[in-house]
């Protein structure tokens, strides 16, 4: 089985774990300790929330900072528009920010959430019937 592990540096692993739990991720204790929290989106997609100090050890490179000049963002697909809205609202209540208004492309609904460390996630709902008719 192929798996994807996304490694993110964070300021506070406990607060970040709570934030991601509220976004619908589940903790995997097998890869979790006091310096990192493994959060599962699915059985094959994991987000490793790693303290900045431990992240620098793993990467062998001193980073300019969590909110540095370069960044990446990630996209997660959800099954319903209701789930999309519920997860974003939960993320906002947990301290995240929605950097832009929701977008409706007809076949796709998109909302963004910025986590406690500035990492950006797109959450999308695809209406497959509308998508197939394009």
Protein backbone atom coordinates (compact mmCIF):
# COMPACT_ATOMS: atom_id res chain seq x y z
CA UNK A 1 0.00 0.00 0.00
CA UNK A 2 1.29 3.45 -0.89
CA UNK A 3 1.06 6.15 1.74
CA UNK A 4 1.67 9.89 1.80
CA UNK A 5 3.25 11.60 4.82
CA UNK A 6 3.21 15.41 4.82
CA UNK A 7 5.67 16.87 7.34
CA UNK A 8 4.74 20.28 8.74
CA UNK A 9 6.78 22.36 11.20
CA UNK A 10 4.59 23.77 13.99
CA UNK A 11 5.13 26.02 16.99
CA UNK A 12 2.95 24.03 19.41
CA UNK A 13 2.32 20.35 18.63
CA UNK A 14 -0.50 19.99 21.18
CA UNK A 15 -2.48 23.00 19.92
CA UNK A 16 -1.88 21.95 16.33
CA UNK A 17 -3.10 18.42 17.09
CA UNK A 18 -6.30 19.87 18.55
CA UNK A 19 -6.76 22.10 15.48
CA UNK A 20 -6.32 19.20 13.05
CA UNK A 21 -8.58 16.95 15.13
CA UNK A 22 -11.28 19.60 14.74
CA UNK A 23 -10.71 19.52 10.96
CA UNK A 24 -11.55 15.82 10.92
CA UNK A 25 -8.08 14.26 11.20
CA UNK A 26 -7.53 11.38 13.63
CA UNK A 27 -4.40 10.89 15.73
CA UNK A 28 -2.29 7.81 15.00
CA UNK A 29 -0.44 7.06 18.26
CA UNK A 30 2.02 4.73 16.49
CA UNK A 31 3.90 7.73 15.04
CA UNK A 32 3.15 10.18 17.86
CA UNK A 33 5.37 11.41 20.69
CA UNK A 34 5.99 14.68 22.55
CA UNK A 35 7.78 16.23 19.52
CA UNK A 36 5.45 15.11 16.77
CA UNK A 37 1.82 14.18 16.26
CA UNK A 38 0.73 11.94 13.42
CA UNK A 39 -2.69 12.97 12.13
CA UNK A 40 -4.53 10.72 9.65
CA UNK A 41 -6.86 12.07 6.97
CA UNK A 42 -7.33 8.58 5.50
CA UNK A 43 -5.56 5.23 5.82
CA UNK A 44 -3.06 6.45 3.25
CA UNK A 45 -2.71 10.20 3.94
CA UNK A 46 -0.93 11.38 7.09
CA UNK A 47 0.11 14.81 8.33
CA UNK A 48 3.07 14.85 10.69
CA UNK A 49 2.91 17.88 12.97
CA UNK A 50 6.52 18.26 14.05
CA UNK A 51 8.00 20.77 16.50
CA UNK A 52 10.15 23.29 14.66
CA UNK A 53 13.25 22.08 16.50
CA UNK A 54 12.65 18.41 15.56
CA UNK A 55 11.72 19.42 12.01
CA UNK A 56 15.09 21.18 11.63
CA UNK A 57 16.85 18.04 12.91
CA UNK A 58 15.04 15.87 10.36
CA UNK A 59 15.64 18.24 7.47
CA UNK A 60 19.28 18.98 8.36
CA UNK A 61 18.57 22.54 7.34
CA UNK A 62 17.83 25.62 9.42
CA UNK A 63 14.63 27.13 8.07
CA UNK A 64 13.91 30.85 7.97
CA UNK A 65 10.74 30.28 9.95
CA UNK A 66 7.31 28.80 9.76
CA UNK A 67 5.94 32.00 8.22
CA UNK A 68 8.89 32.39 5.79
CA UNK A 69 8.81 33.59 2.20
CA UNK A 70 8.13 30.20 0.64
CA UNK A 71 5.11 28.06 1.33
CA UNK A 72 3.05 25.25 -0.11
CA UNK A 73 -0.58 24.48 0.32
CA UNK A 74 -2.56 21.29 0.21
CA UNK A 75 -5.99 20.21 -1.01
CA UNK A 76 -8.34 17.77 0.70
CA UNK A 77 -11.52 16.49 -0.92
CA UNK A 78 -14.64 15.93 1.16
CA UNK A 79 -17.79 14.00 0.32
CA UNK A 80 -20.47 16.67 0.85
CA UNK A 81 -20.87 20.43 0.87
CA UNK A 82 -22.21 20.14 4.42
CA UNK A 83 -18.99 18.40 5.52
CA UNK A 84 -16.94 21.09 3.76
CA UNK A 85 -18.68 23.89 5.66
CA UNK A 86 -18.65 22.02 8.97
CA UNK A 87 -14.88 21.38 8.81
CA UNK A 88 -14.01 24.96 7.86
CA UNK A 89 -16.23 26.41 10.59
CA UNK A 90 -14.66 24.01 13.10
CA UNK A 91 -11.20 25.09 11.95
CA UNK A 92 -12.10 28.75 12.42
CA UNK A 93 -13.43 28.05 15.93
CA UNK A 94 -10.10 26.32 16.68
CA UNK A 95 -8.07 29.41 15.79
CA UNK A 96 -7.64 29.00 12.05
CA UNK A 97 -8.35 31.73 9.52
CA UNK A 98 -10.26 31.64 6.27
CA UNK A 99 -8.01 33.82 4.07
CA UNK A 100 -10.45 34.28 1.18
CA UNK A 101 -14.23 33.98 0.79
CA UNK A 102 -15.69 30.64 -0.30
CA UNK A 103 -15.69 30.01 -4.06
CA UNK A 104 -18.49 28.33 -6.01
CA UNK A 105 -17.46 27.08 -9.46
CA UNK A 106 -20.76 25.30 -10.11
CA UNK A 107 -19.26 21.80 -10.16
CA UNK A 108 -16.90 22.52 -7.25
CA UNK A 109 -17.14 24.36 -3.94
CA UNK A 110 -13.83 25.55 -2.46
CA UNK A 111 -12.94 26.96 0.93
CA UNK A 112 -9.50 27.62 2.38
CA UNK A 113 -8.29 27.39 5.96
CA UNK A 114 -4.99 28.66 7.32
CA UNK A 115 -3.82 26.70 10.35
CA UNK A 116 -2.19 28.06 13.51
CA UNK A 117 1.23 28.17 11.79
CA UNK A 118 0.11 29.65 8.46
CA UNK A 119 -0.08 26.37 6.50
CA UNK A 120 -2.92 26.65 3.98
CA UNK A 121 -5.39 23.90 3.15
CA UNK A 122 -8.00 23.93 0.40
CA UNK A 123 -11.06 21.87 1.19
CA UNK A 124 -13.12 21.04 -1.87
CA UNK A 125 -16.42 19.40 -2.59
CA UNK A 126 -16.84 18.12 -6.16
CA UNK A 127 -20.36 17.55 -7.44
CA UNK A 128 -19.47 14.63 -9.70
CA UNK A 129 -22.72 14.82 -11.70
CA UNK A 130 -22.06 18.43 -12.62
CA UNK A 131 -18.38 17.68 -13.18
CA UNK A 132 -19.16 14.82 -15.60
CA UNK A 133 -21.43 17.10 -17.65
CA UNK A 134 -18.72 19.70 -18.33
